[in-house]
Full PDB file with SEQRES, HELIX, SHEET, SSBOND, CRYST1, ORIGX, SCALE, CONECT and MASTER records, all heavy atoms in Angstrom:
SEQRES   1 A   40  ARG GLU THR LEU ALA VAL ARG LEU ARG GLN ALA ARG GLY          
SEQRES   2 A   40  GLU ARG THR LEU LYS GLU VAL SER ILE ALA THR GLY ILE          
SEQRES   3 A   40  ASN ILE ILE THR ILE SER ARG TYR GLU ARG ASN LYS ARG          
SEQRES   4 A   40  GLU                                                          
HELIX    1 AA1 GLU A    2  ARG A   12  1                                  11    
HELIX    2 AA2 LEU A   17  THR A   24  1                                   8    
HELIX    3 AA3 ILE A   28  GLU A   35  1                                   8    
CRYST1    1.000    1.000    1.000  90.00  90.00  90.00 P 1           1          
ORIGX1      1.000000  0.000000  0.000000        0.00000                         
ORIGX2      0.000000  1.000000  0.000000        0.00000                         
ORIGX3      0.000000  0.000000  1.000000        0.00000                         
SCALE1      1.000000  0.000000  0.000000        0.00000                         
SCALE2      0.000000  1.000000  0.000000        0.00000                         
SCALE3      0.000000  0.000000  1.000000        0.00000                         
ATOM      1  N   ARG A   1     123.757   0.859  37.553  1.00  0.00           N  
ATOM      2  CA  ARG A   1     122.569   0.485  38.398  1.00  0.00           C  
ATOM      3  C   ARG A   1     122.863   0.245  39.727  1.00  0.00           C  
ATOM      4  O   ARG A   1     122.177   0.570  40.723  1.00  0.00           O  
ATOM      5  CB  ARG A   1     121.750  -0.582  37.695  1.00  0.00           C  
ATOM      6  CG  ARG A   1     120.991  -0.091  36.437  1.00  0.00           C  
ATOM      7  CD  ARG A   1     120.175  -1.173  35.671  1.00  0.00           C  
ATOM      8  NE  ARG A   1     119.365  -1.884  36.567  1.00  0.00           N  
ATOM      9  CZ  ARG A   1     118.618  -2.951  36.203  1.00  0.00           C  
ATOM     10  NH1 ARG A   1     118.495  -3.254  34.994  1.00  0.00           N  
ATOM     11  NH2 ARG A   1     117.850  -3.650  37.032  1.00  0.00           N  
ATOM     12  N   GLU A   2     123.904  -0.614  39.983  1.00  0.00           N  
ATOM     13  CA  GLU A   2     124.307  -0.979  41.381  1.00  0.00           C  
ATOM     14  C   GLU A   2     124.685   0.322  42.072  1.00  0.00           C  
ATOM     15  O   GLU A   2     124.393   0.503  43.313  1.00  0.00           O  
ATOM     16  CB  GLU A   2     125.448  -1.985  41.376  1.00  0.00           C  
ATOM     17  CG  GLU A   2     125.006  -3.293  40.859  1.00  0.00           C  
ATOM     18  CD  GLU A   2     126.170  -4.278  40.555  1.00  0.00           C  
ATOM     19  OE1 GLU A   2     127.135  -3.864  40.018  1.00  0.00           O  
ATOM     20  OE2 GLU A   2     126.058  -5.334  41.010  1.00  0.00           O  
ATOM     21  N   THR A   3     125.552   1.112  41.417  1.00  0.00           N  
ATOM     22  CA  THR A   3     125.963   2.355  42.071  1.00  0.00           C  
ATOM     23  C   THR A   3     124.813   3.307  42.340  1.00  0.00           C  
ATOM     24  O   THR A   3     124.793   3.900  43.473  1.00  0.00           O  
ATOM     25  CB  THR A   3     127.063   3.092  41.141  1.00  0.00           C  
ATOM     26  OG1 THR A   3     128.170   2.227  41.011  1.00  0.00           O  
ATOM     27  CG2 THR A   3     127.449   4.314  41.740  1.00  0.00           C  
ATOM     28  N   LEU A   4     124.007   3.439  41.382  1.00  0.00           N  
ATOM     29  CA  LEU A   4     122.740   4.261  41.551  1.00  0.00           C  
ATOM     30  C   LEU A   4     121.927   3.790  42.739  1.00  0.00           C  
ATOM     31  O   LEU A   4     121.525   4.583  43.522  1.00  0.00           O  
ATOM     32  CB  LEU A   4     121.862   4.278  40.274  1.00  0.00           C  
ATOM     33  CG  LEU A   4     120.636   5.069  40.302  1.00  0.00           C  
ATOM     34  CD1 LEU A   4     120.882   6.537  40.492  1.00  0.00           C  
ATOM     35  CD2 LEU A   4     119.789   4.799  39.118  1.00  0.00           C  
ATOM     36  N   ALA A   5     121.734   2.519  42.860  1.00  0.00           N  
ATOM     37  CA  ALA A   5     120.909   1.951  43.922  1.00  0.00           C  
ATOM     38  C   ALA A   5     121.496   2.435  45.350  1.00  0.00           C  
ATOM     39  O   ALA A   5     120.796   2.878  46.180  1.00  0.00           O  
ATOM     40  CB  ALA A   5     120.794   0.408  43.826  1.00  0.00           C  
ATOM     41  N   VAL A   6     122.794   2.243  45.420  1.00  0.00           N  
ATOM     42  CA  VAL A   6     123.476   2.537  46.803  1.00  0.00           C  
ATOM     43  C   VAL A   6     123.381   4.051  46.981  1.00  0.00           C  
ATOM     44  O   VAL A   6     123.021   4.487  48.097  1.00  0.00           O  
ATOM     45  CB  VAL A   6     124.978   2.174  46.693  1.00  0.00           C  
ATOM     46  CG1 VAL A   6     125.711   2.669  47.846  1.00  0.00           C  
ATOM     47  CG2 VAL A   6     125.027   0.564  46.705  1.00  0.00           C  
ATOM     48  N   ARG A   7     123.555   4.853  45.934  1.00  0.00           N  
ATOM     49  CA  ARG A   7     123.610   6.267  46.182  1.00  0.00           C  
ATOM     50  C   ARG A   7     122.229   6.892  46.320  1.00  0.00           C  
ATOM     51  O   ARG A   7     122.112   7.797  47.057  1.00  0.00           O  
ATOM     52  CB  ARG A   7     124.365   6.908  44.979  1.00  0.00           C  
ATOM     53  CG  ARG A   7     125.790   6.583  45.131  1.00  0.00           C  
ATOM     54  CD  ARG A   7     126.726   7.271  44.225  1.00  0.00           C  
ATOM     55  NE  ARG A   7     128.169   6.968  44.397  1.00  0.00           N  
ATOM     56  CZ  ARG A   7     129.150   7.278  43.650  1.00  0.00           C  
ATOM     57  NH1 ARG A   7     128.926   8.112  42.672  1.00  0.00           N  
ATOM     58  NH2 ARG A   7     130.445   6.926  44.047  1.00  0.00           N  
ATOM     59  N   LEU A   8     121.238   6.281  45.796  1.00  0.00           N  
ATOM     60  CA  LEU A   8     119.838   6.744  46.012  1.00  0.00           C  
ATOM     61  C   LEU A   8     119.455   6.405  47.502  1.00  0.00           C  
ATOM     62  O   LEU A   8     118.814   7.269  48.157  1.00  0.00           O  
ATOM     63  CB  LEU A   8     118.892   6.070  45.106  1.00  0.00           C  
ATOM     64  CG  LEU A   8     118.926   6.536  43.593  1.00  0.00           C  
ATOM     65  CD1 LEU A   8     117.890   5.689  42.838  1.00  0.00           C  
ATOM     66  CD2 LEU A   8     118.594   8.102  43.547  1.00  0.00           C  
ATOM     67  N   ARG A   9     119.857   5.298  47.966  1.00  0.00           N  
ATOM     68  CA  ARG A   9     119.627   4.933  49.388  1.00  0.00           C  
ATOM     69  C   ARG A   9     120.297   5.955  50.381  1.00  0.00           C  
ATOM     70  O   ARG A   9     119.743   6.409  51.343  1.00  0.00           O  
ATOM     71  CB  ARG A   9     119.958   3.511  49.688  1.00  0.00           C  
ATOM     72  CG  ARG A   9     119.022   2.468  49.196  1.00  0.00           C  
ATOM     73  CD  ARG A   9     119.288   1.132  49.745  1.00  0.00           C  
ATOM     74  NE  ARG A   9     120.545   0.628  49.620  1.00  0.00           N  
ATOM     75  CZ  ARG A   9     121.124  -0.025  48.620  1.00  0.00           C  
ATOM     76  NH1 ARG A   9     120.329  -0.371  47.560  1.00  0.00           N  
ATOM     77  NH2 ARG A   9     122.308  -0.398  48.559  1.00  0.00           N  
ATOM     78  N   GLN A  10     121.538   6.195  49.996  1.00  0.00           N  
ATOM     79  CA  GLN A  10     122.280   7.152  50.781  1.00  0.00           C  
ATOM     80  C   GLN A  10     121.652   8.513  50.770  1.00  0.00           C  
ATOM     81  O   GLN A  10     121.687   9.213  51.753  1.00  0.00           O  
ATOM     82  CB  GLN A  10     123.821   7.233  50.347  1.00  0.00           C  
ATOM     83  CG  GLN A  10     124.599   6.021  50.633  1.00  0.00           C  
ATOM     84  CD  GLN A  10     125.892   6.054  50.030  1.00  0.00           C  
ATOM     85  OE1 GLN A  10     126.256   6.747  49.061  1.00  0.00           O  
ATOM     86  NE2 GLN A  10     126.780   5.120  50.442  1.00  0.00           N  
ATOM     87  N   ALA A  11     121.405   9.036  49.588  1.00  0.00           N  
ATOM     88  CA  ALA A  11     120.742  10.322  49.426  1.00  0.00           C  
ATOM     89  C   ALA A  11     119.370  10.502  50.157  1.00  0.00           C  
ATOM     90  O   ALA A  11     119.115  11.560  50.708  1.00  0.00           O  
ATOM     91  CB  ALA A  11     120.584  10.675  47.962  1.00  0.00           C  
ATOM     92  N   ARG A  12     118.716   9.409  50.162  1.00  0.00           N  
ATOM     93  CA  ARG A  12     117.322   9.524  50.870  1.00  0.00           C  
ATOM     94  C   ARG A  12     117.526   9.785  52.329  1.00  0.00           C  
ATOM     95  O   ARG A  12     116.799  10.361  52.972  1.00  0.00           O  
ATOM     96  CB  ARG A  12     116.558   8.252  50.603  1.00  0.00           C  
ATOM     97  CG  ARG A  12     115.140   8.346  51.236  1.00  0.00           C  
ATOM     98  CD  ARG A  12     114.222   7.297  50.567  1.00  0.00           C  
ATOM     99  NE  ARG A  12     114.663   5.944  50.568  1.00  0.00           N  
ATOM    100  CZ  ARG A  12     114.381   5.125  51.639  1.00  0.00           C  
ATOM    101  NH1 ARG A  12     113.676   5.602  52.713  1.00  0.00           N  
ATOM    102  NH2 ARG A  12     114.806   3.923  51.656  1.00  0.00           N  
ATOM    103  N   GLY A  13     118.625   9.123  52.996  1.00  0.00           N  
ATOM    104  CA  GLY A  13     118.831   9.334  54.355  1.00  0.00           C  
ATOM    105  C   GLY A  13     117.710   8.839  55.224  1.00  0.00           C  
ATOM    106  O   GLY A  13     117.150   7.746  55.139  1.00  0.00           O  
ATOM    107  N   GLU A  14     117.235   9.837  56.050  1.00  0.00           N  
ATOM    108  CA  GLU A  14     116.173   9.539  57.015  1.00  0.00           C  
ATOM    109  C   GLU A  14     114.814   9.812  56.402  1.00  0.00           C  
ATOM    110  O   GLU A  14     113.734   9.485  56.973  1.00  0.00           O  
ATOM    111  CB  GLU A  14     116.350  10.386  58.216  1.00  0.00           C  
ATOM    112  CG  GLU A  14     117.579  10.148  58.984  1.00  0.00           C  
ATOM    113  CD  GLU A  14     117.601   8.760  59.581  1.00  0.00           C  
ATOM    114  OE1 GLU A  14     116.622   8.232  60.087  1.00  0.00           O  
ATOM    115  OE2 GLU A  14     118.650   8.144  59.454  1.00  0.00           O  
ATOM    116  N   ARG A  15     114.681  10.288  55.142  1.00  0.00           N  
ATOM    117  CA  ARG A  15     113.408  10.454  54.510  1.00  0.00           C  
ATOM    118  C   ARG A  15     112.685   9.175  54.220  1.00  0.00           C  
ATOM    119  O   ARG A  15     113.346   8.176  53.927  1.00  0.00           O  
ATOM    120  CB  ARG A  15     113.573  11.267  53.166  1.00  0.00           C  
ATOM    121  CG  ARG A  15     114.211  12.604  53.291  1.00  0.00           C  
ATOM    122  CD  ARG A  15     114.364  13.168  51.852  1.00  0.00           C  
ATOM    123  NE  ARG A  15     115.127  14.355  51.823  1.00  0.00           N  
ATOM    124  CZ  ARG A  15     116.396  14.496  51.570  1.00  0.00           C  
ATOM    125  NH1 ARG A  15     117.202  13.450  51.256  1.00  0.00           N  
ATOM    126  NH2 ARG A  15     117.076  15.702  51.553  1.00  0.00           N  
ATOM    127  N   THR A  16     111.438   9.184  54.254  1.00  0.00           N  
ATOM    128  CA  THR A  16     110.624   7.991  53.903  1.00  0.00           C  
ATOM    129  C   THR A  16     110.443   7.892  52.452  1.00  0.00           C  
ATOM    130  O   THR A  16     110.508   8.886  51.722  1.00  0.00           O  
ATOM    131  CB  THR A  16     109.305   7.892  54.520  1.00  0.00           C  
ATOM    132  OG1 THR A  16     108.521   9.010  54.033  1.00  0.00           O  
ATOM    133  CG2 THR A  16     109.375   7.994  56.106  1.00  0.00           C  
ATOM    134  N   LEU A  17     110.220   6.740  51.888  1.00  0.00           N  
ATOM    135  CA  LEU A  17     109.858   6.620  50.520  1.00  0.00           C  
ATOM    136  C   LEU A  17     108.567   7.427  50.141  1.00  0.00           C  
ATOM    137  O   LEU A  17     108.519   8.026  49.023  1.00  0.00           O  
ATOM    138  CB  LEU A  17     109.655   5.159  50.211  1.00  0.00           C  
ATOM    139  CG  LEU A  17     110.885   4.219  50.075  1.00  0.00           C  
ATOM    140  CD1 LEU A  17     110.416   2.741  50.004  1.00  0.00           C  
ATOM    141  CD2 LEU A  17     111.795   4.635  48.915  1.00  0.00           C  
ATOM    142  N   LYS A  18     107.670   7.420  51.095  1.00  0.00           N  
ATOM    143  CA  LYS A  18     106.486   8.311  50.806  1.00  0.00           C  
ATOM    144  C   LYS A  18     106.866   9.715  50.690  1.00  0.00           C  
ATOM    145  O   LYS A  18     106.252  10.401  49.827  1.00  0.00           O  
ATOM    146  CB  LYS A  18     105.524   8.038  52.062  1.00  0.00           C  
ATOM    147  CG  LYS A  18     104.211   8.737  51.790  1.00  0.00           C  
ATOM    148  CD  LYS A  18     103.233   8.447  52.886  1.00  0.00           C  
ATOM    149  CE  LYS A  18     101.834   9.138  52.700  1.00  0.00           C  
ATOM    150  NZ  LYS A  18     100.898   8.784  53.740  1.00  0.00           N  
ATOM    151  N   GLU A  19     107.681  10.200  51.443  1.00  0.00           N  
ATOM    152  CA  GLU A  19     108.106  11.658  51.405  1.00  0.00           C  
ATOM    153  C   GLU A  19     108.703  11.932  49.995  1.00  0.00           C  
ATOM    154  O   GLU A  19     108.410  12.979  49.343  1.00  0.00           O  
ATOM    155  CB  GLU A  19     109.094  12.043  52.439  1.00  0.00           C  
ATOM    156  CG  GLU A  19     108.445  12.112  53.795  1.00  0.00           C  
ATOM    157  CD  GLU A  19     109.479  12.296  54.928  1.00  0.00           C  
ATOM    158  OE1 GLU A  19     110.587  11.771  54.793  1.00  0.00           O  
ATOM    159  OE2 GLU A  19     109.070  12.829  55.954  1.00  0.00           O  
ATOM    160  N   VAL A  20     109.580  11.093  49.576  1.00  0.00           N  
ATOM    161  CA  VAL A  20     110.288  11.236  48.269  1.00  0.00           C  
ATOM    162  C   VAL A  20     109.217  11.076  47.158  1.00  0.00           C  
ATOM    163  O   VAL A  20     109.273  11.911  46.153  1.00  0.00           O  
ATOM    164  CB  VAL A  20     111.438  10.219  48.096  1.00  0.00           C  
ATOM    165  CG1 VAL A  20     112.067  10.311  46.737  1.00  0.00           C  
ATOM    166  CG2 VAL A  20     112.425  10.460  49.255  1.00  0.00           C  
ATOM    167  N   SER A  21     108.363  10.197  47.262  1.00  0.00           N  
ATOM    168  CA  SER A  21     107.322   9.927  46.226  1.00  0.00           C  
ATOM    169  C   SER A  21     106.426  11.213  46.059  1.00  0.00           C  
ATOM    170  O   SER A  21     106.214  11.603  44.868  1.00  0.00           O  
ATOM    171  CB  SER A  21     106.411   8.741  46.620  1.00  0.00           C  
ATOM    172  OG  SER A  21     105.397   8.586  45.675  1.00  0.00           O  
ATOM    173  N   ILE A  22     106.030  11.684  47.198  1.00  0.00           N  
ATOM    174  CA  ILE A  22     105.173  12.900  47.216  1.00  0.00           C  
ATOM    175  C   ILE A  22     105.882  14.052  46.519  1.00  0.00           C  
ATOM    176  O   ILE A  22     105.397  14.846  45.660  1.00  0.00           O  
ATOM    177  CB  ILE A  22     104.610  13.337  48.550  1.00  0.00           C  
ATOM    178  CG1 ILE A  22     103.625  12.213  48.967  1.00  0.00           C  
ATOM    179  CG2 ILE A  22     103.991  14.659  48.557  1.00  0.00           C  
ATOM    180  CD1 ILE A  22     103.172  12.296  50.506  1.00  0.00           C  
ATOM    181  N   ALA A  23     107.084  14.295  46.882  1.00  0.00           N  
ATOM    182  CA  ALA A  23     107.898  15.441  46.481  1.00  0.00           C  
ATOM    183  C   ALA A  23     108.315  15.353  44.992  1.00  0.00           C  
ATOM    184  O   ALA A  23     108.402  16.348  44.252  1.00  0.00           O  
ATOM    185  CB  ALA A  23     109.187  15.588  47.287  1.00  0.00           C  
ATOM    186  N   THR A  24     108.462  14.093  44.464  1.00  0.00           N  
ATOM    187  CA  THR A  24     108.932  13.923  43.073  1.00  0.00           C  
ATOM    188  C   THR A  24     107.860  13.459  42.086  1.00  0.00           C  
ATOM    189  O   THR A  24     108.002  13.576  40.931  1.00  0.00           O  
ATOM    190  CB  THR A  24     110.047  12.843  43.042  1.00  0.00           C  
ATOM    191  OG1 THR A  24     109.594  11.587  43.525  1.00  0.00           O  
ATOM    192  CG2 THR A  24     111.234  13.292  43.880  1.00  0.00           C  
ATOM    193  N   GLY A  25     106.790  12.912  42.632  1.00  0.00           N  
ATOM    194  CA  GLY A  25     105.746  12.428  41.823  1.00  0.00           C  
ATOM    195  C   GLY A  25     106.074  11.049  41.209  1.00  0.00           C  
ATOM    196  O   GLY A  25     105.315  10.531  40.338  1.00  0.00           O  
ATOM    197  N   ILE A  26     107.008  10.335  41.836  1.00  0.00           N  
ATOM    198  CA  ILE A  26     107.435   9.011  41.423  1.00  0.00           C  
ATOM    199  C   ILE A  26     106.843   8.033  42.382  1.00  0.00           C  
ATOM    200  O   ILE A  26     106.866   8.223  43.534  1.00  0.00           O  
ATOM    201  CB  ILE A  26     108.967   8.847  41.407  1.00  0.00           C  
ATOM    202  CG1 ILE A  26     109.619   9.904  40.420  1.00  0.00           C  
ATOM    203  CG2 ILE A  26     109.389   7.451  40.940  1.00  0.00           C  
ATOM    204  CD1 ILE A  26     111.079   9.946  40.596  1.00  0.00           C  
ATOM    205  N   ASN A  27     106.213   7.004  41.917  1.00  0.00           N  
ATOM    206  CA  ASN A  27     105.556   5.940  42.674  1.00  0.00           C  
ATOM    207  C   ASN A  27     106.492   5.371  43.716  1.00  0.00           C  
ATOM    208  O   ASN A  27     107.671   5.113  43.479  1.00  0.00           O  
ATOM    209  CB  ASN A  27     104.925   4.858  41.797  1.00  0.00           C  
ATOM    210  CG  ASN A  27     104.191   3.829  42.492  1.00  0.00           C  
ATOM    211  OD1 ASN A  27     104.745   2.965  43.193  1.00  0.00           O  
ATOM    212  ND2 ASN A  27     102.868   3.962  42.355  1.00  0.00           N  
ATOM    213  N   ILE A  28     105.988   5.153  44.919  1.00  0.00           N  
ATOM    214  CA  ILE A  28     106.761   4.611  46.035  1.00  0.00           C  
ATOM    215  C   ILE A  28     107.464   3.251  45.595  1.00  0.00           C  
ATOM    216  O   ILE A  28     108.669   3.067  45.871  1.00  0.00           O  
ATOM    217  CB  ILE A  28     105.950   4.328  47.300  1.00  0.00           C  
ATOM    218  CG1 ILE A  28     105.523   5.745  47.897  1.00  0.00           C  
ATOM    219  CG2 ILE A  28     106.691   3.487  48.320  1.00  0.00           C  
ATOM    220  CD1 ILE A  28     104.388   5.507  49.046  1.00  0.00           C  
ATOM    221  N   ILE A  29     106.665   2.400  45.046  1.00  0.00           N  
ATOM    222  CA  ILE A  29     107.239   1.079  44.578  1.00  0.00           C  
ATOM    223  C   ILE A  29     108.344   1.304  43.631  1.00  0.00           C  
ATOM    224  O   ILE A  29     109.371   0.594  43.618  1.00  0.00           O  
ATOM    225  CB  ILE A  29     106.125   0.141  43.996  1.00  0.00           C  
ATOM    226  CG1 ILE A  29     105.087  -0.113  45.139  1.00  0.00           C  
ATOM    227  CG2 ILE A  29     106.653  -1.085  43.397  1.00  0.00           C  
ATOM    228  CD1 ILE A  29     103.786  -0.800  44.725  1.00  0.00           C  
ATOM    229  N   THR A  30     108.171   2.194  42.688  1.00  0.00           N  
ATOM    230  CA  THR A  30     109.179   2.398  41.677  1.00  0.00           C  
ATOM    231  C   THR A  30     110.545   2.931  42.312  1.00  0.00           C  
ATOM    232  O   THR A  30     111.604   2.399  41.994  1.00  0.00           O  
ATOM    233  CB  THR A  30     108.696   3.502  40.630  1.00  0.00           C  
ATOM    234  OG1 THR A  30     107.521   2.940  40.021  1.00  0.00           O  
ATOM    235  CG2 THR A  30     109.775   3.778  39.591  1.00  0.00           C  
ATOM    236  N   ILE A  31     110.351   3.925  43.322  1.00  0.00           N  
ATOM    237  CA  ILE A  31     111.598   4.324  44.031  1.00  0.00           C  
ATOM    238  C   ILE A  31     112.224   3.174  44.751  1.00  0.00           C  
ATOM    239  O   ILE A  31     113.489   2.947  44.639  1.00  0.00           O  
ATOM    240  CB  ILE A  31     111.288   5.431  44.944  1.00  0.00           C  
ATOM    241  CG1 ILE A  31     110.716   6.636  44.127  1.00  0.00           C  
ATOM    242  CG2 ILE A  31     112.478   5.858  45.744  1.00  0.00           C  
ATOM    243  CD1 ILE A  31     110.037   7.688  45.153  1.00  0.00           C  
ATOM    244  N   SER A  32     111.492   2.408  45.347  1.00  0.00           N  
ATOM    245  CA  SER A  32     112.035   1.215  46.100  1.00  0.00           C  
ATOM    246  C   SER A  32     112.712   0.286  45.229  1.00  0.00           C  
ATOM    247  O   SER A  32     113.813  -0.207  45.481  1.00  0.00           O  
ATOM    248  CB  SER A  32     110.839   0.528  46.818  1.00  0.00           C  
ATOM    249  OG  SER A  32     111.315  -0.734  47.353  1.00  0.00           O  
ATOM    250  N   ARG A  33     112.231   0.052  44.043  1.00  0.00           N  
ATOM    251  CA  ARG A  33     112.863  -0.782  43.038  1.00  0.00           C  
ATOM    252  C   ARG A  33     114.139  -0.264  42.490  1.00  0.00           C  
ATOM    253  O   ARG A  33     115.049  -1.023  42.284  1.00  0.00           O  
ATOM    254  CB  ARG A  33     111.886  -1.174  41.909  1.00  0.00           C  
ATOM    255  CG  ARG A  33     110.722  -2.175  42.280  1.00  0.00           C  
ATOM    256  CD  ARG A  33     109.742  -2.404  41.217  1.00  0.00           C  
ATOM    257  NE  ARG A  33     108.815  -3.333  41.666  1.00  0.00           N  
ATOM    258  CZ  ARG A  33     107.643  -3.442  41.074  1.00  0.00           C  
ATOM    259  NH1 ARG A  33     107.343  -2.779  39.969  1.00  0.00           N  
ATOM    260  NH2 ARG A  33     106.756  -4.284  41.557  1.00  0.00           N  
ATOM    261  N   TYR A  34     114.172   1.076  42.313  1.00  0.00           N  
ATOM    262  CA  TYR A  34     115.478   1.720  41.953  1.00  0.00           C  
ATOM    263  C   TYR A  34     116.494   1.511  43.108  1.00  0.00           C  
ATOM    264  O   TYR A  34     117.664   1.150  42.768  1.00  0.00           O  
ATOM    265  CB  TYR A  34     115.295   3.215  41.723  1.00  0.00           C  
ATOM    266  CG  TYR A  34     114.361   3.703  40.646  1.00  0.00           C  
ATOM    267  CD1 TYR A  34     113.800   4.886  40.740  1.00  0.00           C  
ATOM    268  CD2 TYR A  34     114.233   2.938  39.407  1.00  0.00           C  
ATOM    269  CE1 TYR A  34     112.897   5.310  39.622  1.00  0.00           C  
ATOM    270  CE2 TYR A  34     113.420   3.316  38.452  1.00  0.00           C  
ATOM    271  CZ  TYR A  34     112.749   4.574  38.542  1.00  0.00           C  
ATOM    272  OH  TYR A  34     111.933   5.049  37.581  1.00  0.00           O  
ATOM    273  N   GLU A  35     116.090   1.619  44.350  1.00  0.00           N  
ATOM    274  CA  GLU A  35     116.994   1.562  45.458  1.00  0.00           C  
ATOM    275  C   GLU A  35     117.535   0.104  45.679  1.00  0.00           C  
ATOM    276  O   GLU A  35     118.501  -0.108  46.274  1.00  0.00           O  
ATOM    277  CB  GLU A  35     116.357   2.109  46.661  1.00  0.00           C  
ATOM    278  CG  GLU A  35     116.180   3.604  46.688  1.00  0.00           C  
ATOM    279  CD  GLU A  35     115.620   4.082  48.038  1.00  0.00           C  
ATOM    280  OE1 GLU A  35     115.531   3.374  49.028  1.00  0.00           O  
ATOM    281  OE2 GLU A  35     115.496   5.317  48.149  1.00  0.00           O  
ATOM    282  N   ARG A  36     116.709  -0.882  45.151  1.00  0.00           N  
ATOM    283  CA  ARG A  36     117.170  -2.300  45.348  1.00  0.00           C  
ATOM    284  C   ARG A  36     117.728  -2.805  43.951  1.00  0.00           C  
ATOM    285  O   ARG A  36     117.893  -4.085  43.922  1.00  0.00           O  
ATOM    286  CB  ARG A  36     115.934  -3.059  45.796  1.00  0.00           C  
ATOM    287  CG  ARG A  36     115.505  -2.724  47.240  1.00  0.00           C  
ATOM    288  CD  ARG A  36     114.283  -3.522  47.684  1.00  0.00           C  
ATOM    289  NE  ARG A  36     113.090  -3.185  46.935  1.00  0.00           N  
ATOM    290  CZ  ARG A  36     112.345  -4.013  46.210  1.00  0.00           C  
ATOM    291  NH1 ARG A  36     112.689  -5.276  46.160  1.00  0.00           N  
ATOM    292  NH2 ARG A  36     111.266  -3.657  45.562  1.00  0.00           N  
ATOM    293  N   ASN A  37     117.925  -1.972  43.007  1.00  0.00           N  
ATOM    294  CA  ASN A  37     118.439  -2.440  41.762  1.00  0.00           C  
ATOM    295  C   ASN A  37     117.505  -3.456  41.001  1.00  0.00           C  
ATOM    296  O   ASN A  37     118.040  -4.432  40.508  1.00  0.00           O  
ATOM    297  CB  ASN A  37     119.839  -2.931  41.893  1.00  0.00           C  
ATOM    298  CG  ASN A  37     120.532  -3.091  40.443  1.00  0.00           C  
ATOM    299  OD1 ASN A  37     120.135  -2.565  39.471  1.00  0.00           O  
ATOM    300  ND2 ASN A  37     121.683  -3.934  40.474  1.00  0.00           N  
ATOM    301  N   LYS A  38     116.261  -3.303  41.188  1.00  0.00           N  
ATOM    302  CA  LYS A  38     115.274  -4.160  40.526  1.00  0.00           C  
ATOM    303  C   LYS A  38     114.565  -3.584  39.354  1.00  0.00           C  
ATOM    304  O   LYS A  38     113.784  -4.323  38.741  1.00  0.00           O  
ATOM    305  CB  LYS A  38     114.163  -4.643  41.637  1.00  0.00           C  
ATOM    306  CG  LYS A  38     114.714  -5.230  42.831  1.00  0.00           C  
ATOM    307  CD  LYS A  38     115.242  -6.611  42.495  1.00  0.00           C  
ATOM    308  CE  LYS A  38     115.788  -7.341  43.744  1.00  0.00           C  
ATOM    309  NZ  LYS A  38     116.519  -8.493  43.470  1.00  0.00           N  
ATOM    310  N   ARG A  39     114.930  -2.321  39.055  1.00  0.00           N  
ATOM    311  CA  ARG A  39     114.310  -1.685  37.946  1.00  0.00           C  
ATOM    312  C   ARG A  39     115.282  -0.642  37.382  1.00  0.00           C  
ATOM    313  O   ARG A  39     115.936   0.090  38.173  1.00  0.00           O  
ATOM    314  CB  ARG A  39     113.048  -1.007  38.339  1.00  0.00           C  
ATOM    315  CG  ARG A  39     112.285  -0.264  37.219  1.00  0.00           C  
ATOM    316  CD  ARG A  39     110.900   0.179  37.615  1.00  0.00           C  
ATOM    317  NE  ARG A  39     110.333   0.932  36.462  1.00  0.00           N  
ATOM    318  CZ  ARG A  39     109.117   1.274  36.419  1.00  0.00           C  
ATOM    319  NH1 ARG A  39     108.295   0.950  37.455  1.00  0.00           N  
ATOM    320  NH2 ARG A  39     108.589   1.879  35.352  1.00  0.00           N  
ATOM    321  N   GLU A  40     115.356  -0.554  36.094  1.00  0.00           N  
ATOM    322  CA  GLU A  40     116.207   0.401  35.419  1.00  0.00           C  
ATOM    323  C   GLU A  40     115.419   1.788  35.410  1.00  0.00           C  
ATOM    324  O   GLU A  40     114.198   1.872  35.165  1.00  0.00           O  
ATOM    325  CB  GLU A  40     116.440   0.037  34.003  1.00  0.00           C  
ATOM    326  CG  GLU A  40     117.584   0.922  33.387  1.00  0.00           C  
ATOM    327  CD  GLU A  40     118.179   0.346  32.146  1.00  0.00           C  
ATOM    328  OE1 GLU A  40     117.889  -0.806  31.801  1.00  0.00           O  
ATOM    329  OE2 GLU A  40     119.026   0.977  31.577  1.00  0.00           O  
TER     330      GLU A  40                                                      
MASTER        0    0    0    3    0    0    0    6  329    1    0    4          
END                                                                             
């Protein structure tokens, strides 16, 4: 989970959470929690 959090933030780069959310259909808050290792 720690590795995933770091790598998701890196992969997102300059994209916004909103852009990723729209493209994937995953809620913005959920993506943010993955990136902060607050949700499995």
